[in-house]
């Protein structure tokens, strides 16, 4: 009888976990598709044809993809932070810390993947390719470009370091050896560093630059 109860509880816990995981995947799909559609529409409405025109082919696609994945990356970072913050409550809900860690690991991998594609897509598209490798100044002031670039780079490095560190310390023994307080302190520093992300995404968005500087 007790074995039947244990099995039913385990099935229920698995069902709850699968439900959360399915919702998480659905949110990620929306976080990737919706920004891409909105950025593409924004360029089309504002007649930014040098990016959306079929003549530009892959270059135009990479520009739109890189821009939209910046917003997807922000959403993914929020999800990863939230899952990490709710690790203990999730572990209680799933009755297994491993499952809670898996969700955090999964969201961390997605975040790093989005970061990589976001950077590569923009680096190999225009105007970022010319700005980075040729220091072309025709698109918008170099100072604004550098501020946007370096806030993104600094935040990206910090986020990557913290996520990789979490992977390395995923075993409880390694985490205890490193120190929970030290790891929490790094998380708090990361939260403060979101100011850089806010500047990178919202205050220096390319539409604003184009609007004010043409």
N, C-alpha and C. Protein backbone atom coordinates (compact mmCIF):
# COMPACT_ATOMS: atom_id res chain seq x y z
N UNK A 1 0.82 -1.21 0.00
CA UNK A 1 0.00 0.00 0.00
C UNK A 1 0.86 1.26 0.00
N UNK A 2 1.89 1.21 0.84
CA UNK A 2 2.80 2.37 0.93
C UNK A 2 3.55 2.58 -0.38
N UNK A 3 3.88 1.46 -1.04
CA UNK A 3 4.58 1.57 -2.33
C UNK A 3 3.69 2.22 -3.39
N UNK A 4 2.39 1.89 -3.34
CA UNK A 4 1.45 2.50 -4.28
C UNK A 4 1.33 4.00 -4.05
N UNK A 5 1.30 4.39 -2.77
CA UNK A 5 1.24 5.82 -2.43
C UNK A 5 2.50 6.55 -2.90
N UNK A 6 3.65 5.91 -2.67
CA UNK A 6 4.92 6.51 -3.10
C UNK A 6 4.96 6.67 -4.62
N UNK A 7 4.49 5.64 -5.32
CA UNK A 7 4.48 5.70 -6.79
C UNK A 7 3.54 6.78 -7.31
N UNK A 8 2.37 6.90 -6.65
CA UNK A 8 1.41 7.92 -7.07
C UNK A 8 1.94 9.32 -6.80
N UNK A 9 2.65 9.49 -5.68
CA UNK A 9 3.26 10.79 -5.36
C UNK A 9 4.35 11.13 -6.37
N UNK A 10 5.14 10.12 -6.72
CA UNK A 10 6.23 10.33 -7.69
C UNK A 10 5.67 10.71 -9.06
N UNK A 11 4.57 10.03 -9.46
CA UNK A 11 3.94 10.36 -10.74
C UNK A 11 3.38 11.78 -10.72
N UNK A 12 2.80 12.16 -9.57
CA UNK A 12 2.26 13.51 -9.43
C UNK A 12 3.37 14.55 -9.50
N UNK A 13 4.48 14.27 -8.83
CA UNK A 13 5.64 15.18 -8.86
C UNK A 13 6.20 15.32 -10.28
N UNK A 14 6.28 14.19 -10.98
CA UNK A 14 6.76 14.21 -12.37
C UNK A 14 5.81 15.01 -13.26
N UNK A 15 4.51 14.86 -13.00
CA UNK A 15 3.51 15.60 -13.78
C UNK A 15 3.65 17.11 -13.56
N UNK A 16 3.85 17.50 -12.30
CA UNK A 16 4.02 18.92 -11.96
C UNK A 16 5.27 19.47 -12.62
N UNK A 17 6.36 18.70 -12.57
CA UNK A 17 7.62 19.13 -13.18
C UNK A 17 7.48 19.29 -14.69
N UNK A 18 6.87 18.30 -15.34
CA UNK A 18 6.68 18.35 -16.79
C UNK A 18 5.80 19.53 -17.19
N UNK A 19 4.82 19.84 -16.34
CA UNK A 19 3.94 20.98 -16.59
C UNK A 19 4.74 22.28 -16.56
N UNK A 20 5.58 22.44 -15.53
CA UNK A 20 6.43 23.63 -15.41
C UNK A 20 7.41 23.73 -16.58
N UNK A 21 7.99 22.60 -16.95
CA UNK A 21 8.98 22.58 -18.03
C UNK A 21 8.33 22.93 -19.37
N UNK A 22 7.12 22.41 -19.60
CA UNK A 22 6.39 22.71 -20.84
C UNK A 22 6.05 24.20 -20.91
N UNK A 23 5.61 24.76 -19.79
CA UNK A 23 5.29 26.20 -19.73
C UNK A 23 6.54 27.02 -20.01
N UNK A 24 7.67 26.58 -19.44
CA UNK A 24 8.94 27.29 -19.64
C UNK A 24 9.34 27.31 -21.11
N UNK A 25 9.22 26.17 -21.78
CA UNK A 25 9.55 26.09 -23.21
C UNK A 25 8.62 26.99 -24.02
N UNK A 26 7.33 26.99 -23.67
CA UNK A 26 6.35 27.83 -24.37
C UNK A 26 6.70 29.31 -24.21
N UNK A 27 7.09 29.71 -23.01
CA UNK A 27 7.48 31.11 -22.75
C UNK A 27 8.70 31.48 -23.58
N UNK A 28 9.67 30.56 -23.65
CA UNK A 28 10.88 30.82 -24.45
C UNK A 28 10.56 30.97 -25.94
N UNK A 29 9.66 30.14 -26.43
CA UNK A 29 9.26 30.25 -27.84
C UNK A 29 8.62 31.62 -28.12
N UNK A 30 7.75 32.05 -27.22
CA UNK A 30 7.13 33.37 -27.36
C UNK A 30 8.18 34.48 -27.26
N UNK A 31 9.14 34.29 -26.34
CA UNK A 31 10.19 35.29 -26.12
C UNK A 31 11.10 35.45 -27.34
N UNK A 32 11.17 34.42 -28.17
CA UNK A 32 11.99 34.49 -29.39
C UNK A 32 11.17 34.97 -30.59
N UNK A 33 9.96 34.44 -30.74
CA UNK A 33 9.14 34.74 -31.92
C UNK A 33 8.56 36.15 -31.87
N UNK A 34 7.97 36.54 -30.73
CA UNK A 34 7.28 37.84 -30.63
C UNK A 34 8.23 39.02 -30.86
N UNK A 35 9.41 39.09 -30.19
CA UNK A 35 10.33 40.20 -30.47
C UNK A 35 10.78 40.26 -31.92
N UNK A 36 10.99 39.09 -32.54
CA UNK A 36 11.40 39.08 -33.95
C UNK A 36 10.33 39.71 -34.84
N UNK A 37 9.07 39.34 -34.59
CA UNK A 37 7.96 39.90 -35.38
C UNK A 37 7.85 41.41 -35.15
N UNK A 38 7.95 41.83 -33.87
CA UNK A 38 7.80 43.25 -33.54
C UNK A 38 8.93 44.10 -34.12
N UNK A 39 10.16 43.61 -34.03
CA UNK A 39 11.31 44.36 -34.57
C UNK A 39 11.19 44.45 -36.09
N UNK A 40 10.79 43.35 -36.71
CA UNK A 40 10.61 43.34 -38.17
C UNK A 40 9.52 44.32 -38.59
N UNK A 41 8.40 44.32 -37.86
CA UNK A 41 7.30 45.25 -38.15
C UNK A 41 7.74 46.69 -37.95
N UNK A 42 8.51 46.92 -36.88
CA UNK A 42 8.98 48.27 -36.59
C UNK A 42 9.83 48.82 -37.74
N UNK A 43 10.71 47.98 -38.27
CA UNK A 43 11.55 48.40 -39.39
C UNK A 43 10.71 48.63 -40.65
N UNK A 44 9.70 47.79 -40.85
CA UNK A 44 8.85 47.92 -42.04
C UNK A 44 7.99 49.18 -41.96
N UNK A 45 7.41 49.44 -40.77
CA UNK A 45 6.54 50.61 -40.58
C UNK A 45 7.33 51.90 -40.74
N UNK A 46 8.56 51.91 -40.21
CA UNK A 46 9.40 53.10 -40.29
C UNK A 46 10.23 53.16 -41.58
N UNK A 47 9.88 52.27 -42.53
CA UNK A 47 10.51 52.26 -43.86
C UNK A 47 12.04 52.12 -43.78
N UNK A 48 12.48 51.24 -42.87
CA UNK A 48 13.92 50.98 -42.74
C UNK A 48 14.28 49.88 -43.75
N UNK A 49 14.14 50.21 -45.05
CA UNK A 49 14.24 49.20 -46.10
C UNK A 49 15.65 48.66 -46.31
N UNK A 50 16.66 49.39 -45.82
CA UNK A 50 18.03 48.90 -46.03
C UNK A 50 18.32 47.67 -45.18
N UNK A 51 17.39 47.35 -44.23
CA UNK A 51 17.54 46.12 -43.46
C UNK A 51 16.50 45.07 -43.84
N UNK A 52 15.28 45.52 -44.15
CA UNK A 52 14.20 44.56 -44.41
C UNK A 52 14.06 44.19 -45.88
N UNK A 53 14.72 44.91 -46.75
CA UNK A 53 14.61 44.62 -48.19
C UNK A 53 15.17 43.24 -48.52
N UNK A 54 14.46 42.48 -49.38
CA UNK A 54 14.95 41.15 -49.79
C UNK A 54 16.33 41.20 -50.46
N UNK A 55 16.69 42.38 -51.00
CA UNK A 55 17.99 42.52 -51.66
C UNK A 55 19.14 42.30 -50.68
N UNK A 56 18.90 42.63 -49.41
CA UNK A 56 19.97 42.50 -48.42
C UNK A 56 20.14 41.05 -47.95
N UNK A 57 19.15 40.22 -48.23
CA UNK A 57 19.26 38.80 -47.95
C UNK A 57 19.66 38.48 -46.52
N UNK A 58 20.75 37.72 -46.38
CA UNK A 58 21.21 37.26 -45.08
C UNK A 58 21.60 38.40 -44.16
N UNK A 59 22.18 39.45 -44.72
CA UNK A 59 22.62 40.58 -43.90
C UNK A 59 21.44 41.23 -43.19
N UNK A 60 20.34 41.44 -43.93
CA UNK A 60 19.15 42.03 -43.34
C UNK A 60 18.53 41.12 -42.29
N UNK A 61 18.53 39.81 -42.58
CA UNK A 61 17.98 38.84 -41.63
C UNK A 61 18.80 38.82 -40.34
N UNK A 62 20.13 38.84 -40.46
CA UNK A 62 20.99 38.83 -39.27
C UNK A 62 20.79 40.07 -38.42
N UNK A 63 20.58 41.21 -39.08
CA UNK A 63 20.34 42.45 -38.35
C UNK A 63 19.07 42.36 -37.52
N UNK A 64 17.97 41.92 -38.16
CA UNK A 64 16.69 41.79 -37.48
C UNK A 64 16.79 40.74 -36.37
N UNK A 65 17.43 39.61 -36.69
CA UNK A 65 17.58 38.53 -35.71
C UNK A 65 18.39 38.98 -34.50
N UNK A 66 19.51 39.63 -34.76
CA UNK A 66 20.37 40.10 -33.67
C UNK A 66 19.66 41.09 -32.78
N UNK A 67 18.93 42.04 -33.39
CA UNK A 67 18.19 43.04 -32.62
C UNK A 67 17.12 42.38 -31.76
N UNK A 68 16.33 41.49 -32.38
CA UNK A 68 15.22 40.86 -31.66
C UNK A 68 15.70 39.94 -30.54
N UNK A 69 16.82 39.25 -30.78
CA UNK A 69 17.34 38.35 -29.76
C UNK A 69 17.90 39.10 -28.56
N UNK A 70 18.19 40.39 -28.74
CA UNK A 70 18.58 41.21 -27.60
C UNK A 70 17.45 41.28 -26.58
N UNK A 71 16.23 41.46 -27.07
CA UNK A 71 15.06 41.48 -26.19
C UNK A 71 14.76 40.09 -25.64
N UNK A 72 14.94 39.07 -26.50
CA UNK A 72 14.75 37.68 -26.05
C UNK A 72 15.74 37.34 -24.94
N UNK A 73 16.96 37.83 -25.09
CA UNK A 73 18.01 37.60 -24.10
C UNK A 73 17.65 38.23 -22.77
N UNK A 74 17.09 39.43 -22.82
CA UNK A 74 16.66 40.10 -21.59
C UNK A 74 15.59 39.29 -20.87
N UNK A 75 14.61 38.80 -21.63
CA UNK A 75 13.54 37.97 -21.06
C UNK A 75 14.12 36.69 -20.46
N UNK A 76 15.05 36.08 -21.18
CA UNK A 76 15.69 34.85 -20.70
C UNK A 76 16.49 35.08 -19.42
N UNK A 77 17.16 36.22 -19.35
CA UNK A 77 17.91 36.57 -18.14
C UNK A 77 16.97 36.72 -16.95
N UNK A 78 15.82 37.34 -17.17
CA UNK A 78 14.82 37.51 -16.10
C UNK A 78 14.31 36.14 -15.65
N UNK A 79 14.02 35.26 -16.62
CA UNK A 79 13.54 33.91 -16.29
C UNK A 79 14.59 33.15 -15.48
N UNK A 80 15.84 33.19 -15.94
CA UNK A 80 16.92 32.48 -15.25
C UNK A 80 17.09 33.00 -13.83
N UNK A 81 17.03 34.31 -13.67
CA UNK A 81 17.16 34.92 -12.34
C UNK A 81 16.00 34.50 -11.44
N UNK A 82 14.79 34.49 -12.01
CA UNK A 82 13.60 34.13 -11.24
C UNK A 82 13.65 32.66 -10.81
N UNK A 83 14.02 31.78 -11.75
CA UNK A 83 14.12 30.34 -11.42
C UNK A 83 15.17 30.11 -10.35
N UNK A 84 16.31 30.82 -10.46
CA UNK A 84 17.35 30.70 -9.45
C UNK A 84 16.89 31.19 -8.09
N UNK A 85 16.13 32.30 -8.09
CA UNK A 85 15.61 32.87 -6.84
C UNK A 85 14.58 31.94 -6.19
N UNK A 86 13.79 31.24 -7.03
CA UNK A 86 12.74 30.35 -6.54
C UNK A 86 13.20 28.90 -6.46
N UNK A 87 14.49 28.67 -6.37
CA UNK A 87 15.02 27.32 -6.39
C UNK A 87 14.45 26.45 -5.26
N UNK A 88 14.47 26.95 -4.05
CA UNK A 88 13.98 26.17 -2.90
C UNK A 88 12.48 25.90 -2.98
N UNK A 89 11.64 26.93 -3.25
CA UNK A 89 10.21 26.64 -3.40
C UNK A 89 9.90 25.64 -4.52
N UNK A 90 10.64 25.74 -5.62
CA UNK A 90 10.44 24.79 -6.72
C UNK A 90 10.85 23.38 -6.31
N UNK A 91 11.94 23.29 -5.55
CA UNK A 91 12.40 21.98 -5.07
C UNK A 91 11.35 21.33 -4.17
N UNK A 92 10.70 22.14 -3.34
CA UNK A 92 9.62 21.63 -2.47
C UNK A 92 8.42 21.19 -3.30
N UNK A 93 8.13 21.96 -4.34
CA UNK A 93 6.98 21.63 -5.19
C UNK A 93 7.22 20.34 -5.97
N UNK A 94 8.46 20.16 -6.46
CA UNK A 94 8.81 18.95 -7.21
C UNK A 94 9.24 17.80 -6.30
N UNK A 95 9.48 18.13 -5.02
CA UNK A 95 10.02 17.16 -4.06
C UNK A 95 11.37 16.60 -4.53
N UNK A 96 12.12 17.46 -5.19
CA UNK A 96 13.45 17.06 -5.67
C UNK A 96 14.24 18.30 -6.07
N UNK A 97 15.37 18.51 -5.40
CA UNK A 97 16.22 19.66 -5.72
C UNK A 97 16.84 19.51 -7.11
N UNK A 98 17.07 18.26 -7.54
CA UNK A 98 17.67 18.01 -8.86
C UNK A 98 16.81 18.58 -9.98
N UNK A 99 15.50 18.44 -9.84
CA UNK A 99 14.59 18.94 -10.87
C UNK A 99 14.58 20.46 -10.91
N UNK A 100 14.64 21.07 -9.73
CA UNK A 100 14.71 22.54 -9.67
C UNK A 100 16.01 23.04 -10.29
N UNK A 101 17.11 22.34 -9.99
CA UNK A 101 18.40 22.70 -10.58
C UNK A 101 18.38 22.52 -12.10
N UNK A 102 17.69 21.47 -12.55
CA UNK A 102 17.61 21.22 -13.99
C UNK A 102 16.95 22.40 -14.71
N UNK A 103 15.87 22.93 -14.13
CA UNK A 103 15.20 24.08 -14.73
C UNK A 103 16.14 25.28 -14.81
N UNK A 104 16.92 25.47 -13.74
CA UNK A 104 17.87 26.58 -13.73
C UNK A 104 18.99 26.36 -14.74
N UNK A 105 19.47 25.12 -14.82
CA UNK A 105 20.51 24.79 -15.80
C UNK A 105 19.99 25.00 -17.22
N UNK A 106 18.77 24.55 -17.46
CA UNK A 106 18.16 24.68 -18.79
C UNK A 106 18.03 26.14 -19.19
N UNK A 107 17.49 26.95 -18.29
CA UNK A 107 17.32 28.38 -18.59
C UNK A 107 18.66 29.08 -18.75
N UNK A 108 19.67 28.63 -18.00
CA UNK A 108 21.02 29.20 -18.13
C UNK A 108 21.63 28.90 -19.50
N UNK A 109 21.44 27.65 -19.96
CA UNK A 109 21.95 27.25 -21.28
C UNK A 109 21.27 28.06 -22.38
N UNK A 110 19.96 28.23 -22.27
CA UNK A 110 19.22 29.02 -23.26
C UNK A 110 19.72 30.46 -23.28
N UNK A 111 19.97 31.01 -22.09
CA UNK A 111 20.46 32.39 -21.98
C UNK A 111 21.81 32.55 -22.66
N UNK A 112 22.73 31.63 -22.39
CA UNK A 112 24.06 31.69 -23.02
C UNK A 112 23.97 31.50 -24.53
N UNK A 113 23.07 30.62 -24.96
CA UNK A 113 22.88 30.37 -26.40
C UNK A 113 22.34 31.63 -27.10
N UNK A 114 21.36 32.27 -26.47
CA UNK A 114 20.79 33.50 -27.04
C UNK A 114 21.82 34.62 -27.08
N UNK A 115 22.65 34.69 -26.03
CA UNK A 115 23.71 35.70 -25.98
C UNK A 115 24.69 35.50 -27.14
N UNK A 116 25.09 34.26 -27.37
CA UNK A 116 26.05 33.95 -28.45
C UNK A 116 25.49 34.32 -29.81
N UNK A 117 24.23 33.92 -30.07
CA UNK A 117 23.62 34.21 -31.38
C UNK A 117 23.39 35.70 -31.54
N UNK A 118 22.97 36.36 -30.46
CA UNK A 118 22.73 37.82 -30.48
C UNK A 118 24.00 38.56 -30.90
N UNK A 119 25.12 38.20 -30.29
CA UNK A 119 26.40 38.87 -30.58
C UNK A 119 26.86 38.55 -32.00
N UNK A 120 26.86 37.28 -32.37
CA UNK A 120 27.36 36.87 -33.69
C UNK A 120 26.51 37.46 -34.82
N UNK A 121 25.19 37.45 -34.63
CA UNK A 121 24.30 37.97 -35.68
C UNK A 121 24.55 39.45 -35.93
N UNK A 122 24.74 40.23 -34.86
CA UNK A 122 24.98 41.66 -35.02
C UNK A 122 26.38 41.96 -35.56
N UNK A 123 27.36 41.20 -35.09
CA UNK A 123 28.74 41.43 -35.55
C UNK A 123 28.86 41.23 -37.06
N UNK A 124 28.15 40.25 -37.59
CA UNK A 124 28.26 39.95 -39.02
C UNK A 124 27.16 40.60 -39.86
N UNK A 125 26.44 41.56 -39.28
CA UNK A 125 25.42 42.29 -40.04
C UNK A 125 25.83 43.76 -40.12
N UNK A 126 25.11 44.50 -40.93
CA UNK A 126 25.34 45.94 -41.04
C UNK A 126 24.25 46.69 -40.27
N UNK A 127 24.56 47.83 -39.61
CA UNK A 127 25.83 48.57 -39.71
C UNK A 127 26.88 48.16 -38.70
N UNK A 128 26.58 47.18 -37.84
CA UNK A 128 27.51 46.86 -36.76
C UNK A 128 28.85 46.36 -37.26
N UNK A 129 28.84 45.60 -38.35
CA UNK A 129 30.09 45.09 -38.89
C UNK A 129 31.03 46.23 -39.27
N UNK A 130 30.49 47.23 -39.96
CA UNK A 130 31.31 48.39 -40.36
C UNK A 130 31.73 49.22 -39.16
N UNK A 131 30.81 49.34 -38.19
CA UNK A 131 31.11 50.14 -37.00
C UNK A 131 32.21 49.51 -36.16
N UNK A 132 32.15 48.19 -36.02
CA UNK A 132 33.12 47.48 -35.17
C UNK A 132 34.48 47.36 -35.85
N UNK A 133 34.48 46.94 -37.11
CA UNK A 133 35.74 46.63 -37.78
C UNK A 133 36.32 47.78 -38.60
N UNK A 134 35.47 48.72 -39.02
CA UNK A 134 35.95 49.83 -39.85
C UNK A 134 35.74 51.19 -39.20
N UNK A 135 35.13 51.20 -38.01
CA UNK A 135 34.85 52.45 -37.27
C UNK A 135 34.12 53.47 -38.14
N UNK A 136 33.16 52.99 -38.91
CA UNK A 136 32.36 53.87 -39.75
C UNK A 136 31.47 54.75 -38.87
N UNK A 137 31.41 56.05 -39.15
CA UNK A 137 30.68 57.00 -38.30
C UNK A 137 29.44 57.57 -38.99
N UNK A 138 29.06 57.02 -40.12
CA UNK A 138 27.95 57.60 -40.87
C UNK A 138 26.58 57.27 -40.28
N UNK A 139 26.49 56.19 -39.51
CA UNK A 139 25.19 55.76 -39.01
C UNK A 139 24.73 56.58 -37.80
N UNK A 140 25.55 56.67 -36.77
CA UNK A 140 25.26 57.51 -35.62
C UNK A 140 26.54 57.75 -34.84
N UNK A 141 26.55 58.76 -33.93
CA UNK A 141 27.78 59.15 -33.23
C UNK A 141 28.52 57.97 -32.61
N UNK A 142 29.83 57.98 -32.77
CA UNK A 142 30.66 56.88 -32.29
C UNK A 142 30.60 56.75 -30.77
N UNK A 143 30.47 57.88 -30.05
CA UNK A 143 30.41 57.85 -28.59
C UNK A 143 29.21 57.06 -28.11
N UNK A 144 28.06 57.31 -28.73
CA UNK A 144 26.84 56.59 -28.36
C UNK A 144 26.97 55.11 -28.70
N UNK A 145 27.56 54.84 -29.85
CA UNK A 145 27.75 53.44 -30.25
C UNK A 145 28.65 52.71 -29.26
N UNK A 146 29.77 53.34 -28.87
CA UNK A 146 30.71 52.72 -27.94
C UNK A 146 30.09 52.50 -26.57
N UNK A 147 29.27 53.46 -26.12
CA UNK A 147 28.59 53.31 -24.83
C UNK A 147 27.63 52.13 -24.86
N UNK A 148 26.87 52.03 -25.94
CA UNK A 148 25.95 50.90 -26.11
C UNK A 148 26.72 49.58 -26.19
N UNK A 149 27.81 49.59 -26.94
CA UNK A 149 28.62 48.39 -27.14
C UNK A 149 29.23 47.90 -25.83
N UNK A 150 29.88 48.81 -25.09
CA UNK A 150 30.60 48.40 -23.89
C UNK A 150 29.69 48.05 -22.71
N UNK A 151 28.52 48.69 -22.62
CA UNK A 151 27.58 48.28 -21.58
C UNK A 151 27.11 46.85 -21.83
N UNK A 152 26.90 46.53 -23.12
CA UNK A 152 26.50 45.16 -23.48
C UNK A 152 27.61 44.16 -23.24
N UNK A 153 28.84 44.53 -23.59
CA UNK A 153 29.98 43.63 -23.41
C UNK A 153 30.23 43.34 -21.93
N UNK A 154 30.24 44.39 -21.12
CA UNK A 154 30.51 44.22 -19.69
C UNK A 154 29.44 43.36 -19.02
N UNK A 155 28.18 43.64 -19.35
CA UNK A 155 27.11 42.85 -18.75
C UNK A 155 27.17 41.41 -19.24
N UNK A 156 27.45 41.22 -20.53
CA UNK A 156 27.53 39.88 -21.09
C UNK A 156 28.63 39.05 -20.46
N UNK A 157 29.78 39.67 -20.21
CA UNK A 157 30.90 38.97 -19.56
C UNK A 157 30.53 38.56 -18.14
N UNK A 158 29.93 39.49 -17.40
CA UNK A 158 29.54 39.20 -16.01
C UNK A 158 28.50 38.09 -15.95
N UNK A 159 27.51 38.15 -16.84
CA UNK A 159 26.45 37.15 -16.86
C UNK A 159 27.01 35.78 -17.24
N UNK A 160 27.87 35.74 -18.24
CA UNK A 160 28.48 34.48 -18.68
C UNK A 160 29.32 33.87 -17.57
N UNK A 161 30.10 34.70 -16.88
CA UNK A 161 30.94 34.23 -15.78
C UNK A 161 30.08 33.60 -14.68
N UNK A 162 28.99 34.26 -14.32
CA UNK A 162 28.14 33.77 -13.24
C UNK A 162 27.43 32.48 -13.62
N UNK A 163 26.94 32.39 -14.86
CA UNK A 163 26.24 31.19 -15.30
C UNK A 163 27.18 29.99 -15.40
N UNK A 164 28.39 30.23 -15.91
CA UNK A 164 29.38 29.14 -15.99
C UNK A 164 29.79 28.70 -14.58
N UNK A 165 29.93 29.67 -13.68
CA UNK A 165 30.27 29.35 -12.29
C UNK A 165 29.20 28.48 -11.66
N UNK A 166 27.94 28.77 -11.97
CA UNK A 166 26.85 27.96 -11.43
C UNK A 166 26.94 26.53 -11.94
N UNK A 167 27.30 26.35 -13.21
CA UNK A 167 27.47 25.01 -13.76
C UNK A 167 28.58 24.26 -13.03
N UNK A 168 29.69 24.95 -12.79
CA UNK A 168 30.83 24.32 -12.13
C UNK A 168 30.53 23.95 -10.69
N UNK A 169 29.62 24.73 -10.06
CA UNK A 169 29.30 24.51 -8.64
C UNK A 169 27.95 23.84 -8.46
N UNK A 170 27.47 23.13 -9.49
CA UNK A 170 26.13 22.55 -9.42
C UNK A 170 26.02 21.44 -8.37
N UNK A 171 27.14 20.81 -8.02
CA UNK A 171 27.11 19.79 -6.97
C UNK A 171 27.18 20.46 -5.61
N UNK A 172 26.33 20.03 -4.64
CA UNK A 172 26.29 20.66 -3.31
C UNK A 172 27.65 20.74 -2.61
N UNK A 173 28.47 19.70 -2.78
CA UNK A 173 29.79 19.70 -2.12
C UNK A 173 30.66 20.84 -2.64
N UNK A 174 30.66 21.03 -3.95
CA UNK A 174 31.47 22.10 -4.55
C UNK A 174 30.94 23.47 -4.16
N UNK A 175 29.60 23.58 -4.07
CA UNK A 175 28.99 24.85 -3.68
C UNK A 175 29.35 25.19 -2.24
N UNK A 176 29.31 24.20 -1.36
CA UNK A 176 29.67 24.43 0.05
C UNK A 176 31.14 24.84 0.17
N UNK A 177 31.98 24.21 -0.64
CA UNK A 177 33.41 24.53 -0.61
C UNK A 177 33.66 25.96 -1.09
N UNK A 178 32.94 26.37 -2.12
CA UNK A 178 33.08 27.74 -2.64
C UNK A 178 32.50 28.75 -1.67
N UNK A 179 31.37 28.37 -1.05
CA UNK A 179 30.72 29.26 -0.08
C UNK A 179 29.43 29.84 -0.61
N UNK A 180 28.32 29.51 0.08
CA UNK A 180 27.01 30.02 -0.34
C UNK A 180 26.96 31.55 -0.28
N UNK A 181 27.51 32.11 0.80
CA UNK A 181 27.48 33.57 0.97
C UNK A 181 28.23 34.28 -0.16
N UNK A 182 29.36 33.69 -0.55
CA UNK A 182 30.14 34.27 -1.63
C UNK A 182 29.36 34.23 -2.95
N UNK A 183 28.67 33.10 -3.17
CA UNK A 183 27.90 32.95 -4.40
C UNK A 183 26.70 33.91 -4.41
N UNK A 184 26.04 34.08 -3.25
CA UNK A 184 24.92 35.02 -3.13
C UNK A 184 25.41 36.44 -3.37
N UNK A 185 26.60 36.76 -2.85
CA UNK A 185 27.17 38.10 -3.06
C UNK A 185 27.37 38.38 -4.55
N UNK A 186 27.88 37.38 -5.28
CA UNK A 186 28.07 37.54 -6.73
C UNK A 186 26.74 37.74 -7.44
N UNK A 187 25.70 37.05 -6.96
CA UNK A 187 24.37 37.23 -7.53
C UNK A 187 23.88 38.66 -7.32
N UNK A 188 24.13 39.19 -6.14
CA UNK A 188 23.70 40.57 -5.84
C UNK A 188 24.44 41.58 -6.70
N UNK A 189 25.73 41.33 -6.91
CA UNK A 189 26.51 42.20 -7.80
C UNK A 189 25.92 42.14 -9.21
N UNK A 190 25.52 40.94 -9.63
CA UNK A 190 24.93 40.76 -10.95
C UNK A 190 23.62 41.53 -11.07
N UNK A 191 22.82 41.52 -10.00
CA UNK A 191 21.55 42.25 -10.01
C UNK A 191 21.79 43.75 -10.15
N UNK A 192 22.81 44.25 -9.45
CA UNK A 192 23.15 45.67 -9.55
C UNK A 192 23.62 46.00 -10.97
N UNK A 193 24.32 45.04 -11.57
CA UNK A 193 24.86 45.24 -12.92
C UNK A 193 23.78 45.30 -13.99
N UNK A 194 22.53 44.96 -13.62
CA UNK A 194 21.45 45.06 -14.61
C UNK A 194 21.22 46.51 -15.04
N UNK A 195 21.79 47.45 -14.29
CA UNK A 195 21.76 48.86 -14.71
C UNK A 195 22.43 48.99 -16.08
N UNK A 196 23.54 48.26 -16.26
CA UNK A 196 24.22 48.27 -17.56
C UNK A 196 23.31 47.73 -18.66
N UNK A 197 22.57 46.68 -18.31
CA UNK A 197 21.66 46.08 -19.29
C UNK A 197 20.54 47.05 -19.64
N UNK A 198 20.04 47.76 -18.62
CA UNK A 198 18.97 48.73 -18.86
C UNK A 198 19.43 49.83 -19.81
N UNK A 199 20.66 50.31 -19.59
CA UNK A 199 21.23 51.34 -20.48
C UNK A 199 21.38 50.78 -21.89
N UNK A 200 21.90 49.56 -21.96
CA UNK A 200 22.17 48.92 -23.26
C UNK A 200 20.90 48.74 -24.08
N UNK A 201 19.83 48.28 -23.44
CA UNK A 201 18.61 47.95 -24.18
C UNK A 201 17.68 49.15 -24.38
N UNK A 202 17.39 49.85 -23.28
CA UNK A 202 16.33 50.85 -23.34
C UNK A 202 16.81 52.27 -23.67
N UNK A 203 17.80 52.75 -22.96
CA UNK A 203 18.20 54.14 -23.13
C UNK A 203 18.93 54.41 -24.43
N UNK A 204 19.64 53.38 -24.94
CA UNK A 204 20.42 53.59 -26.16
C UNK A 204 19.94 52.70 -27.30
N UNK A 205 18.63 52.47 -27.34
CA UNK A 205 18.09 51.65 -28.42
C UNK A 205 18.30 52.34 -29.77
N UNK A 206 18.59 51.57 -30.78
CA UNK A 206 18.97 52.14 -32.08
C UNK A 206 17.89 53.03 -32.67
N UNK A 207 16.61 52.69 -32.42
CA UNK A 207 15.53 53.53 -32.95
C UNK A 207 15.65 54.96 -32.43
N UNK A 208 16.00 55.10 -31.14
CA UNK A 208 16.14 56.43 -30.55
C UNK A 208 17.29 57.19 -31.20
N UNK A 209 18.37 56.48 -31.46
CA UNK A 209 19.54 57.10 -32.09
C UNK A 209 19.18 57.59 -33.49
N UNK A 210 18.50 56.71 -34.25
CA UNK A 210 18.10 57.08 -35.61
C UNK A 210 17.12 58.26 -35.58
N UNK A 211 16.21 58.24 -34.59
CA UNK A 211 15.19 59.28 -34.47
C UNK A 211 15.82 60.65 -34.24
N UNK A 212 16.82 60.70 -33.37
CA UNK A 212 17.41 61.98 -32.99
C UNK A 212 18.56 62.42 -33.91
N UNK A 213 19.24 61.42 -34.50
CA UNK A 213 20.42 61.76 -35.30
C UNK A 213 20.27 61.47 -36.79
N UNK A 214 19.16 60.81 -37.16
CA UNK A 214 18.91 60.58 -38.58
C UNK A 214 19.73 59.46 -39.17
